[in-house]
Amino acid sequence: MTPAEFKTARRALGLSVNSMAQVVGVATGRTIRKWEAGDRSIPGPAILAMWFLLTEAGIKPRFARAFSPSPGGCEGGTTGARPS
């Protein structure tokens, strides 16, 4: 999920940065602003929380590709074993 996608999703939910901070369990809205500015990486649990909130609100997440299995991921990817 990109910083812009996170910001768009938060706004779609009608949440302020301070409200979002409370939802994802960070100290202040400053952390959310840093995520949205790209100054810090958005942690996986925050992305999952956003996915859940959007889904519960009936909003189709635009960042669904972040949750799709990739060719090198767990489904259909390699096992990590070296060819013999």
Protein backbone atom coordinates (compact mmCIF):
# COMPACT_ATOMS: atom_id res chain seq x y z
CA MET A 1 0.00 0.00 0.00
CA THR A 2 1.42 3.33 -0.98
CA PRO A 3 1.33 6.40 1.25
CA ALA A 4 -1.15 8.03 -1.16
CA GLU A 5 -3.42 4.96 -1.06
CA PHE A 6 -3.34 5.00 2.74
CA LYS A 7 -4.25 8.69 2.85
CA THR A 8 -7.05 8.25 0.32
CA ALA A 9 -8.44 5.30 2.28
CA ARG A 10 -8.30 7.20 5.59
CA ARG A 11 -10.14 10.12 4.05
CA ALA A 12 -12.73 7.78 2.48
CA LEU A 13 -13.42 6.50 5.99
CA GLY A 14 -13.82 10.07 7.25
CA LEU A 15 -11.05 9.67 9.82
CA SER A 16 -8.67 12.40 10.95
CA VAL A 17 -5.01 11.54 11.40
CA ASN A 18 -5.54 11.55 15.17
CA SER A 19 -8.54 9.21 14.92
CA MET A 20 -6.60 6.88 12.63
CA ALA A 21 -3.74 6.88 15.13
CA GLN A 22 -6.12 5.66 17.83
CA VAL A 23 -7.54 2.96 15.56
CA VAL A 24 -4.14 1.50 14.67
CA GLY A 25 -2.65 2.02 18.12
CA VAL A 26 0.08 4.58 17.50
CA ALA A 27 0.79 7.47 19.84
CA THR A 28 -0.24 10.44 17.70
CA GLY A 29 -1.43 11.58 14.30
CA ARG A 30 2.14 12.61 13.58
CA THR A 31 3.00 8.97 12.85
CA ILE A 32 0.10 8.74 10.42
CA ARG A 33 1.27 11.92 8.67
CA LYS A 34 4.76 10.45 8.34
CA TRP A 35 3.32 7.28 6.78
CA GLU A 36 1.22 9.33 4.37
CA ALA A 37 4.18 11.52 3.43
CA GLY A 38 6.32 8.46 2.75
CA ASP A 39 8.77 9.38 5.51
CA ARG A 40 8.16 6.03 7.24
CA SER A 41 7.02 2.66 5.96
CA ILE A 42 3.45 1.73 6.75
CA PRO A 43 3.58 -1.40 8.92
CA GLY A 44 1.70 -4.50 7.83
CA PRO A 45 -0.71 -4.48 10.78
CA ALA A 46 -1.77 -0.92 9.89
CA ILE A 47 -2.42 -1.98 6.30
CA LEU A 48 -4.50 -4.93 7.52
CA ALA A 49 -6.44 -2.63 9.85
CA MET A 50 -7.14 -0.31 6.93
CA TRP A 51 -8.30 -3.24 4.79
CA PHE A 52 -10.65 -4.36 7.56
CA LEU A 53 -12.06 -0.85 8.12
CA LEU A 54 -12.70 -0.32 4.42
CA THR A 55 -14.31 -3.73 4.05
CA GLU A 56 -16.55 -3.19 7.09
CA ALA A 57 -17.56 0.23 5.72
CA GLY A 58 -18.52 -1.39 2.42
CA ILE A 59 -15.76 0.39 0.53
CA LYS A 60 -13.88 -1.73 -2.01
CA PRO A 61 -10.18 -1.24 -1.25
CA ARG A 62 -8.28 0.04 -4.28
CA PHE A 63 -5.08 -1.53 -3.02
CA ALA A 64 -6.31 -5.11 -3.24
CA ARG A 65 -3.21 -6.05 -5.22
CA ALA A 66 -1.22 -5.68 -1.99
CA PHE A 67 -3.04 -8.74 -0.69
CA SER A 68 -2.93 -10.87 -3.83
CA PRO A 69 -0.48 -13.74 -4.01
CA SER A 70 2.52 -12.85 -6.12
CA PRO A 71 4.34 -15.23 -8.44
CA GLY A 72 7.13 -15.53 -5.88
CA GLY A 73 4.78 -15.65 -2.91
CA CYS A 74 3.43 -18.52 -0.90
CA GLU A 75 0.91 -19.69 -3.49
CA GLY A 76 2.26 -20.89 -6.78
CA GLY A 77 5.74 -19.62 -6.13
CA THR A 78 9.00 -21.37 -5.60
CA THR A 79 9.75 -23.35 -2.49
CA GLY A 80 13.16 -21.86 -2.04
CA ALA A 81 14.80 -25.19 -2.76
CA ARG A 82 17.70 -25.15 -5.16
CA PRO A 83 17.43 -27.21 -8.31
CA SER A 84 19.51 -30.37 -8.21
